[in-house]
Amino acid sequence: MKLKLRLNGTPHEMDIAALKPDLELRIDGRGHALRETGTTGALRHARIDGEDIAYHQARSGNRAFLHLGGRNWIVEFVDPRDAAREKVQGSGDIRAPMPGVVVSVEKQPGDPVTAGDTILTIESMKLQTNLLAERDGVLAEILKSEGDVFEKGAIVARLQEEEDGDA
């Protein structure tokens, strides 16, 4: 069964090719071998495609926030039912996936945005995460400023509502 995921806002297809001896994933048709090898405090260790790596991870719902190789990654597993609901609702709300503080504001109201553009950068548990536009549109408002604290699920920015084009 093909699973859908978004990596930093970009959609990908993934399926599990094998569970043993290592987890083998195919992402967009390319195979990857993965084995978790342990932890040291908050640092996790794994072997991916024969290379030893260390990373930090935080989770919120169907999202995993990784700091790996000097970069931050958001991996979101897409539940097909959620994707269908989002299309019906057309929500332009950008919500905080975890409590934290705004580190920087990258866009301003009125700016055009493309799906995957960074709107704000937040910090939670010493992990900086970019909050991305989930669709193309125009930024309607930014509800938090640099230094503002927020709770999980708080709306931090909003895109203008989509027009139907049926008029």
N, C-alpha and C. Protein backbone atom coordinates (compact mmCIF):
# COMPACT_ATOMS: atom_id res chain seq x y z
N MET A 1 0.85 -1.18 0.00
CA MET A 1 0.00 0.00 0.00
C MET A 1 0.89 1.24 0.00
N LYS A 2 0.59 2.15 -0.88
CA LYS A 2 1.32 3.41 -0.96
C LYS A 2 0.82 4.36 0.13
N LEU A 3 1.76 4.95 0.83
CA LEU A 3 1.45 5.96 1.84
C LEU A 3 1.88 7.30 1.27
N LYS A 4 1.20 8.34 1.67
CA LYS A 4 1.56 9.68 1.22
C LYS A 4 2.18 10.42 2.40
N LEU A 5 3.23 11.17 2.11
CA LEU A 5 3.85 12.00 3.13
C LEU A 5 4.30 13.29 2.48
N ARG A 6 4.51 14.29 3.31
CA ARG A 6 5.07 15.56 2.86
C ARG A 6 6.37 15.77 3.61
N LEU A 7 7.40 16.10 2.88
CA LEU A 7 8.70 16.41 3.45
C LEU A 7 8.95 17.89 3.20
N ASN A 8 8.93 18.68 4.29
CA ASN A 8 9.03 20.14 4.19
C ASN A 8 8.02 20.69 3.18
N GLY A 9 6.82 20.12 3.20
CA GLY A 9 5.73 20.61 2.36
C GLY A 9 5.64 19.99 0.99
N THR A 10 6.65 19.26 0.56
CA THR A 10 6.65 18.63 -0.77
C THR A 10 6.09 17.22 -0.67
N PRO A 11 5.06 16.88 -1.49
CA PRO A 11 4.45 15.55 -1.40
C PRO A 11 5.35 14.46 -1.99
N HIS A 12 5.30 13.28 -1.35
CA HIS A 12 6.03 12.10 -1.80
C HIS A 12 5.17 10.87 -1.55
N GLU A 13 5.46 9.78 -2.27
CA GLU A 13 4.81 8.50 -2.02
C GLU A 13 5.82 7.56 -1.39
N MET A 14 5.35 6.76 -0.44
CA MET A 14 6.25 5.84 0.27
C MET A 14 5.53 4.52 0.45
N ASP A 15 6.28 3.44 0.34
CA ASP A 15 5.74 2.14 0.73
C ASP A 15 6.83 1.36 1.45
N ILE A 16 6.40 0.41 2.26
CA ILE A 16 7.32 -0.41 3.05
C ILE A 16 7.62 -1.67 2.24
N ALA A 17 8.91 -1.83 1.88
CA ALA A 17 9.32 -2.98 1.08
C ALA A 17 9.66 -4.18 1.96
N ALA A 18 10.23 -3.95 3.13
CA ALA A 18 10.61 -5.03 4.05
C ALA A 18 10.69 -4.49 5.46
N LEU A 19 10.43 -5.36 6.43
CA LEU A 19 10.54 -4.98 7.84
C LEU A 19 11.79 -5.56 8.49
N LYS A 20 12.32 -6.67 7.97
CA LYS A 20 13.47 -7.32 8.58
C LYS A 20 14.46 -7.68 7.50
N PRO A 21 15.74 -7.72 7.74
CA PRO A 21 16.38 -7.42 9.01
C PRO A 21 16.37 -5.93 9.32
N ASP A 22 16.33 -5.08 8.29
CA ASP A 22 16.19 -3.64 8.49
C ASP A 22 14.88 -3.20 7.86
N LEU A 23 14.39 -2.06 8.31
CA LEU A 23 13.23 -1.46 7.66
C LEU A 23 13.68 -0.96 6.29
N GLU A 24 13.00 -1.39 5.25
CA GLU A 24 13.33 -0.91 3.91
C GLU A 24 12.13 -0.15 3.37
N LEU A 25 12.35 1.12 3.09
CA LEU A 25 11.31 1.99 2.56
C LEU A 25 11.62 2.32 1.11
N ARG A 26 10.57 2.47 0.31
CA ARG A 26 10.71 3.02 -1.03
C ARG A 26 10.00 4.36 -1.02
N ILE A 27 10.76 5.41 -1.27
CA ILE A 27 10.21 6.77 -1.33
C ILE A 27 10.35 7.24 -2.77
N ASP A 28 9.21 7.52 -3.39
CA ASP A 28 9.17 7.88 -4.81
C ASP A 28 9.93 6.85 -5.65
N GLY A 29 9.79 5.57 -5.28
CA GLY A 29 10.38 4.48 -6.03
C GLY A 29 11.82 4.16 -5.69
N ARG A 30 12.47 4.96 -4.88
CA ARG A 30 13.88 4.73 -4.53
C ARG A 30 13.96 4.05 -3.16
N GLY A 31 14.72 2.95 -3.07
CA GLY A 31 14.82 2.18 -1.83
C GLY A 31 15.79 2.80 -0.83
N HIS A 32 15.44 2.67 0.45
CA HIS A 32 16.27 3.15 1.56
C HIS A 32 16.19 2.14 2.70
N ALA A 33 17.35 1.74 3.23
CA ALA A 33 17.41 0.84 4.39
C ALA A 33 17.58 1.68 5.64
N LEU A 34 16.81 1.39 6.69
CA LEU A 34 16.82 2.18 7.91
C LEU A 34 16.85 1.24 9.11
N ARG A 35 17.76 1.55 10.07
CA ARG A 35 17.81 0.82 11.33
C ARG A 35 18.14 1.82 12.43
N GLU A 36 17.28 1.90 13.45
CA GLU A 36 17.60 2.71 14.62
C GLU A 36 18.64 1.96 15.42
N THR A 37 19.68 2.68 15.87
CA THR A 37 20.79 2.00 16.56
C THR A 37 20.95 2.41 18.01
N GLY A 38 20.13 3.36 18.50
CA GLY A 38 20.19 3.70 19.91
C GLY A 38 19.96 5.18 20.16
N THR A 39 20.14 5.56 21.43
CA THR A 39 19.99 6.96 21.84
C THR A 39 21.10 7.32 22.81
N THR A 40 21.44 8.60 22.81
CA THR A 40 22.35 9.17 23.80
C THR A 40 21.66 10.43 24.31
N GLY A 41 21.02 10.34 25.47
CA GLY A 41 20.23 11.46 25.96
C GLY A 41 19.09 11.73 24.99
N ALA A 42 18.99 12.96 24.50
CA ALA A 42 17.93 13.32 23.55
C ALA A 42 18.34 13.05 22.10
N LEU A 43 19.59 12.67 21.89
CA LEU A 43 20.10 12.41 20.54
C LEU A 43 19.81 10.97 20.15
N ARG A 44 19.20 10.79 18.97
CA ARG A 44 18.89 9.46 18.46
C ARG A 44 19.92 9.10 17.40
N HIS A 45 20.16 7.81 17.26
CA HIS A 45 21.14 7.32 16.29
C HIS A 45 20.47 6.31 15.37
N ALA A 46 20.85 6.37 14.09
CA ALA A 46 20.30 5.44 13.11
C ALA A 46 21.34 5.17 12.03
N ARG A 47 21.08 4.14 11.27
CA ARG A 47 21.90 3.83 10.10
C ARG A 47 20.95 3.88 8.91
N ILE A 48 21.21 4.83 7.99
CA ILE A 48 20.37 4.99 6.80
C ILE A 48 21.24 4.77 5.58
N ASP A 49 20.85 3.77 4.78
CA ASP A 49 21.60 3.43 3.56
C ASP A 49 23.08 3.25 3.86
N GLY A 50 23.39 2.60 5.01
CA GLY A 50 24.76 2.29 5.37
C GLY A 50 25.53 3.41 6.03
N GLU A 51 24.90 4.56 6.23
CA GLU A 51 25.58 5.70 6.85
C GLU A 51 25.03 5.94 8.25
N ASP A 52 25.93 6.05 9.24
CA ASP A 52 25.52 6.34 10.61
C ASP A 52 25.18 7.82 10.73
N ILE A 53 24.03 8.10 11.32
CA ILE A 53 23.60 9.49 11.51
C ILE A 53 23.11 9.66 12.95
N ALA A 54 23.10 10.91 13.39
CA ALA A 54 22.54 11.29 14.68
C ALA A 54 21.53 12.40 14.41
N TYR A 55 20.43 12.38 15.16
CA TYR A 55 19.38 13.38 14.92
C TYR A 55 18.56 13.60 16.18
N HIS A 56 17.88 14.75 16.20
CA HIS A 56 16.91 15.07 17.24
C HIS A 56 15.54 14.95 16.61
N GLN A 57 14.56 14.53 17.40
CA GLN A 57 13.21 14.35 16.89
C GLN A 57 12.19 14.84 17.89
N ALA A 58 11.15 15.50 17.38
CA ALA A 58 9.98 15.85 18.18
C ALA A 58 8.76 15.46 17.34
N ARG A 59 7.66 15.15 18.00
CA ARG A 59 6.45 14.74 17.29
C ARG A 59 5.26 15.56 17.77
N SER A 60 4.34 15.76 16.83
CA SER A 60 3.06 16.36 17.14
C SER A 60 2.05 15.79 16.16
N GLY A 61 1.15 14.96 16.67
CA GLY A 61 0.15 14.34 15.79
C GLY A 61 0.82 13.53 14.70
N ASN A 62 0.47 13.82 13.44
CA ASN A 62 1.02 13.07 12.32
C ASN A 62 2.29 13.72 11.75
N ARG A 63 2.88 14.64 12.49
CA ARG A 63 4.10 15.32 12.05
C ARG A 63 5.28 14.94 12.93
N ALA A 64 6.42 14.76 12.27
CA ALA A 64 7.69 14.56 12.99
C ALA A 64 8.60 15.71 12.59
N PHE A 65 9.27 16.29 13.56
CA PHE A 65 10.19 17.40 13.35
C PHE A 65 11.58 16.87 13.63
N LEU A 66 12.44 16.88 12.62
CA LEU A 66 13.77 16.31 12.74
C LEU A 66 14.83 17.38 12.55
N HIS A 67 15.90 17.29 13.32
CA HIS A 67 17.10 18.10 13.08
C HIS A 67 18.17 17.08 12.73
N LEU A 68 18.58 17.12 11.46
CA LEU A 68 19.45 16.09 10.91
C LEU A 68 20.39 16.73 9.90
N GLY A 69 21.67 16.48 10.04
CA GLY A 69 22.64 16.99 9.08
C GLY A 69 22.68 18.51 9.01
N GLY A 70 22.42 19.17 10.14
CA GLY A 70 22.45 20.63 10.17
C GLY A 70 21.21 21.29 9.60
N ARG A 71 20.20 20.52 9.26
CA ARG A 71 18.97 21.06 8.69
C ARG A 71 17.76 20.59 9.49
N ASN A 72 16.69 21.36 9.39
CA ASN A 72 15.43 20.98 10.02
C ASN A 72 14.50 20.40 8.95
N TRP A 73 13.80 19.34 9.32
CA TRP A 73 12.89 18.66 8.40
C TRP A 73 11.55 18.48 9.08
N ILE A 74 10.48 18.67 8.34
CA ILE A 74 9.13 18.35 8.82
C ILE A 74 8.64 17.20 7.94
N VAL A 75 8.36 16.07 8.58
CA VAL A 75 7.82 14.92 7.88
C VAL A 75 6.38 14.77 8.34
N GLU A 76 5.46 14.88 7.41
CA GLU A 76 4.04 14.78 7.74
C GLU A 76 3.43 13.62 6.99
N PHE A 77 2.86 12.68 7.72
CA PHE A 77 2.18 11.56 7.10
C PHE A 77 0.75 11.99 6.81
N VAL A 78 0.33 11.84 5.57
CA VAL A 78 -0.96 12.35 5.12
C VAL A 78 -2.01 11.25 5.22
N ASP A 79 -2.98 11.48 6.08
CA ASP A 79 -4.14 10.59 6.16
C ASP A 79 -5.07 11.01 5.03
N PRO A 80 -5.43 10.10 4.12
CA PRO A 80 -6.27 10.48 2.98
C PRO A 80 -7.58 11.15 3.39
N ARG A 81 -8.10 10.77 4.56
CA ARG A 81 -9.35 11.40 5.03
C ARG A 81 -9.10 12.85 5.40
N ASP A 82 -7.94 13.15 6.02
CA ASP A 82 -7.61 14.54 6.35
C ASP A 82 -7.41 15.37 5.10
N ALA A 83 -6.72 14.80 4.10
CA ALA A 83 -6.46 15.52 2.85
C ALA A 83 -7.79 15.87 2.17
N ALA A 84 -8.74 14.93 2.19
CA ALA A 84 -10.04 15.20 1.57
C ALA A 84 -10.78 16.29 2.34
N ARG A 85 -10.72 16.27 3.67
CA ARG A 85 -11.39 17.30 4.48
C ARG A 85 -10.78 18.67 4.21
N GLU A 86 -9.44 18.73 4.10
CA GLU A 86 -8.77 20.02 3.85
C GLU A 86 -9.23 20.60 2.52
N LYS A 87 -9.37 19.76 1.49
CA LYS A 87 -9.80 20.26 0.18
C LYS A 87 -11.21 20.82 0.27
N VAL A 88 -12.08 20.13 1.03
CA VAL A 88 -13.45 20.59 1.17
C VAL A 88 -13.49 21.90 1.97
N GLN A 89 -12.74 21.97 3.05
CA GLN A 89 -12.78 23.14 3.91
C GLN A 89 -11.99 24.31 3.34
N GLY A 90 -10.94 24.05 2.57
CA GLY A 90 -10.12 25.11 1.99
C GLY A 90 -9.49 26.01 3.04
N SER A 91 -9.11 25.47 4.17
CA SER A 91 -8.56 26.26 5.26
C SER A 91 -7.25 26.91 4.88
N GLY A 92 -7.11 28.17 5.22
CA GLY A 92 -5.86 28.88 5.01
C GLY A 92 -5.16 29.16 6.32
N ASP A 93 -5.63 28.53 7.41
CA ASP A 93 -5.03 28.75 8.71
C ASP A 93 -3.68 28.03 8.81
N ILE A 94 -2.68 28.73 9.31
CA ILE A 94 -1.38 28.14 9.58
C ILE A 94 -1.29 28.02 11.09
N ARG A 95 -1.27 26.78 11.58
CA ARG A 95 -1.33 26.51 13.02
C ARG A 95 0.01 26.02 13.54
N ALA A 96 0.26 26.32 14.79
CA ALA A 96 1.47 25.86 15.47
C ALA A 96 1.32 24.38 15.80
N PRO A 97 2.27 23.54 15.36
CA PRO A 97 2.16 22.11 15.63
C PRO A 97 2.53 21.74 17.07
N MET A 98 3.14 22.69 17.80
CA MET A 98 3.54 22.45 19.19
C MET A 98 3.70 23.82 19.85
N PRO A 99 3.70 23.90 21.17
CA PRO A 99 3.89 25.20 21.81
C PRO A 99 5.31 25.70 21.57
N GLY A 100 5.48 27.02 21.59
CA GLY A 100 6.82 27.57 21.38
C GLY A 100 6.83 29.08 21.33
N VAL A 101 7.84 29.61 20.64
CA VAL A 101 8.03 31.04 20.50
C VAL A 101 8.38 31.34 19.04
N VAL A 102 7.93 32.49 18.53
CA VAL A 102 8.25 32.90 17.17
C VAL A 102 9.68 33.43 17.14
N VAL A 103 10.52 32.86 16.28
CA VAL A 103 11.91 33.28 16.13
C VAL A 103 12.02 34.37 15.06
N SER A 104 11.31 34.17 13.93
CA SER A 104 11.35 35.16 12.86
C SER A 104 10.09 35.09 12.02
N VAL A 105 9.76 36.21 11.41
CA VAL A 105 8.62 36.31 10.50
C VAL A 105 9.20 36.55 9.11
N GLU A 106 8.92 35.63 8.18
CA GLU A 106 9.55 35.67 6.86
C GLU A 106 8.70 36.37 5.81
N LYS A 107 7.39 36.41 5.98
CA LYS A 107 6.47 37.02 5.01
C LYS A 107 5.60 38.04 5.71
N GLN A 108 5.01 38.93 4.94
CA GLN A 108 4.14 39.97 5.47
C GLN A 108 2.76 39.87 4.83
N PRO A 109 1.70 40.37 5.52
CA PRO A 109 0.37 40.36 4.92
C PRO A 109 0.40 41.03 3.54
N GLY A 110 -0.30 40.39 2.61
CA GLY A 110 -0.34 40.88 1.23
C GLY A 110 0.68 40.21 0.32
N ASP A 111 1.66 39.52 0.91
CA ASP A 111 2.67 38.82 0.10
C ASP A 111 2.05 37.60 -0.58
N PRO A 112 2.35 37.39 -1.87
CA PRO A 112 1.94 36.13 -2.50
C PRO A 112 2.83 35.01 -1.99
N VAL A 113 2.26 33.82 -1.79
CA VAL A 113 3.02 32.67 -1.31
C VAL A 113 2.71 31.46 -2.18
N THR A 114 3.67 30.56 -2.23
CA THR A 114 3.53 29.30 -2.94
C THR A 114 3.58 28.19 -1.89
N ALA A 115 2.86 27.11 -2.11
CA ALA A 115 2.89 25.98 -1.18
C ALA A 115 4.33 25.62 -0.89
N GLY A 116 4.67 25.53 0.41
CA GLY A 116 6.02 25.20 0.84
C GLY A 116 6.85 26.41 1.23
N ASP A 117 6.37 27.63 0.94
CA ASP A 117 7.10 28.84 1.37
C ASP A 117 7.07 28.95 2.89
N THR A 118 8.19 29.39 3.47
CA THR A 118 8.26 29.62 4.91
C THR A 118 7.53 30.91 5.25
N ILE A 119 6.59 30.84 6.20
CA ILE A 119 5.86 32.02 6.68
C ILE A 119 6.51 32.53 7.96
N LEU A 120 6.71 31.63 8.92
CA LEU A 120 7.32 31.96 10.22
C LEU A 120 8.31 30.86 10.58
N THR A 121 9.27 31.20 11.41
CA THR A 121 10.14 30.20 12.01
C THR A 121 9.87 30.23 13.51
N ILE A 122 9.63 29.05 14.07
CA ILE A 122 9.32 28.95 15.50
C ILE A 122 10.40 28.10 16.17
N GLU A 123 10.43 28.19 17.50
CA GLU A 123 11.33 27.34 18.27
C GLU A 123 10.53 26.68 19.38
N SER A 124 10.74 25.38 19.50
CA SER A 124 10.11 24.60 20.55
C SER A 124 11.10 23.53 20.98
N MET A 125 11.36 23.42 22.26
CA MET A 125 12.29 22.44 22.80
C MET A 125 13.66 22.55 22.11
N LYS A 126 14.13 23.76 21.88
CA LYS A 126 15.43 24.06 21.26
C LYS A 126 15.51 23.61 19.80
N LEU A 127 14.37 23.30 19.19
CA LEU A 127 14.32 22.88 17.79
C LEU A 127 13.60 23.96 16.99
N GLN A 128 14.30 24.54 16.02
CA GLN A 128 13.67 25.54 15.17
C GLN A 128 12.98 24.85 14.00
N THR A 129 11.76 25.31 13.71
CA THR A 129 10.92 24.71 12.68
C THR A 129 10.32 25.81 11.83
N ASN A 130 10.34 25.62 10.51
CA ASN A 130 9.69 26.56 9.61
C ASN A 130 8.22 26.16 9.47
N LEU A 131 7.32 27.13 9.63
CA LEU A 131 5.91 26.88 9.35
C LEU A 131 5.66 27.33 7.92
N LEU A 132 5.08 26.43 7.13
CA LEU A 132 5.00 26.61 5.69
C LEU A 132 3.58 26.88 5.22
N ALA A 133 3.47 27.58 4.09
CA ALA A 133 2.18 27.73 3.41
C ALA A 133 1.81 26.36 2.86
N GLU A 134 0.59 25.92 3.14
CA GLU A 134 0.17 24.60 2.67
C GLU A 134 -0.46 24.65 1.28
N ARG A 135 -0.66 25.86 0.76
CA ARG A 135 -1.19 26.02 -0.59
C ARG A 135 -0.73 27.37 -1.14
N ASP A 136 -0.88 27.55 -2.44
CA ASP A 136 -0.59 28.84 -3.06
C ASP A 136 -1.66 29.83 -2.62
N GLY A 137 -1.31 31.10 -2.54
CA GLY A 137 -2.29 32.11 -2.18
C GLY A 137 -1.62 33.41 -1.82
N VAL A 138 -2.37 34.22 -1.09
CA VAL A 138 -1.89 35.51 -0.61
C VAL A 138 -2.02 35.51 0.91
N LEU A 139 -0.97 35.95 1.59
CA LEU A 139 -0.98 35.98 3.04
C LEU A 139 -1.93 37.08 3.52
N ALA A 140 -2.95 36.70 4.27
CA ALA A 140 -3.95 37.65 4.75
C ALA A 140 -3.50 38.35 6.02
N GLU A 141 -2.97 37.56 6.98
CA GLU A 141 -2.54 38.17 8.24
C GLU A 141 -1.54 37.30 8.97
N ILE A 142 -0.70 37.97 9.75
CA ILE A 142 0.24 37.31 10.67
C ILE A 142 -0.28 37.64 12.06
N LEU A 143 -0.56 36.62 12.85
CA LEU A 143 -1.18 36.83 14.16
C LEU A 143 -0.18 36.84 15.31
N LYS A 144 1.06 36.46 15.03
CA LYS A 144 2.11 36.45 16.05
C LYS A 144 3.32 37.19 15.53
N SER A 145 4.04 37.85 16.42
CA SER A 145 5.25 38.60 16.08
C SER A 145 6.46 37.90 16.65
N GLU A 146 7.63 38.32 16.20
CA GLU A 146 8.88 37.78 16.73
C GLU A 146 8.89 37.91 18.25
N GLY A 147 9.20 36.81 18.94
CA GLY A 147 9.25 36.80 20.40
C GLY A 147 7.95 36.39 21.06
N ASP A 148 6.83 36.36 20.31
CA ASP A 148 5.55 35.95 20.89
C ASP A 148 5.56 34.46 21.21
N VAL A 149 4.93 34.12 22.33
CA VAL A 149 4.78 32.74 22.78
C VAL A 149 3.39 32.28 22.36
N PHE A 150 3.25 31.00 22.04
CA PHE A 150 1.96 30.47 21.61
C PHE A 150 1.82 29.02 22.10
N GLU A 151 0.60 28.54 22.07
CA GLU A 151 0.29 27.16 22.46
C GLU A 151 0.14 26.28 21.23
N LYS A 152 0.18 24.98 21.42
CA LYS A 152 -0.05 24.03 20.34
C LYS A 152 -1.43 24.29 19.72
N GLY A 153 -1.48 24.30 18.40
CA GLY A 153 -2.74 24.50 17.69
C GLY A 153 -3.13 25.94 17.47
N ALA A 154 -2.37 26.89 18.03
CA ALA A 154 -2.69 28.31 17.85
C ALA A 154 -2.54 28.69 16.38
N ILE A 155 -3.47 29.50 15.88
CA ILE A 155 -3.35 30.02 14.53
C ILE A 155 -2.34 31.16 14.58
N VAL A 156 -1.25 31.04 13.82
CA VAL A 156 -0.19 32.04 13.84
C VAL A 156 -0.21 32.92 12.59
N ALA A 157 -0.85 32.44 11.52
CA ALA A 157 -0.98 33.21 10.28
C ALA A 157 -2.17 32.66 9.51
N ARG A 158 -2.61 33.42 8.54
CA ARG A 158 -3.80 33.02 7.79
C ARG A 158 -3.64 33.46 6.33
N LEU A 159 -3.97 32.56 5.41
CA LEU A 159 -3.99 32.91 4.00
C LEU A 159 -5.37 33.42 3.64
N GLN A 160 -5.45 34.25 2.59
CA GLN A 160 -6.76 34.69 2.12
C GLN A 160 -7.53 33.49 1.66
N GLU A 161 -8.86 33.57 1.78
CA GLU A 161 -9.71 32.47 1.34
C GLU A 161 -9.58 32.32 -0.16
N GLU A 162 -9.68 31.06 -0.61
CA GLU A 162 -9.61 30.79 -2.04
C GLU A 162 -10.89 31.24 -2.71
N GLU A 163 -10.73 31.76 -3.93
CA GLU A 163 -11.92 32.14 -4.71
C GLU A 163 -12.32 30.97 -5.56
N ASP A 164 -13.65 30.78 -5.74
CA ASP A 164 -14.16 29.63 -6.47
C ASP A 164 -13.86 29.69 -7.96
N GLY A 165 -13.90 30.86 -8.53
CA GLY A 165 -13.69 30.97 -9.97
C GLY A 165 -14.93 30.63 -10.77
N ASP A 166 -16.06 30.36 -10.07
CA ASP A 166 -17.32 30.05 -10.74
C ASP A 166 -18.15 31.28 -11.03
N ALA A 167 -17.69 32.45 -10.59
CA ALA A 167 -18.47 33.67 -10.71
C ALA A 167 -18.57 34.13 -12.13
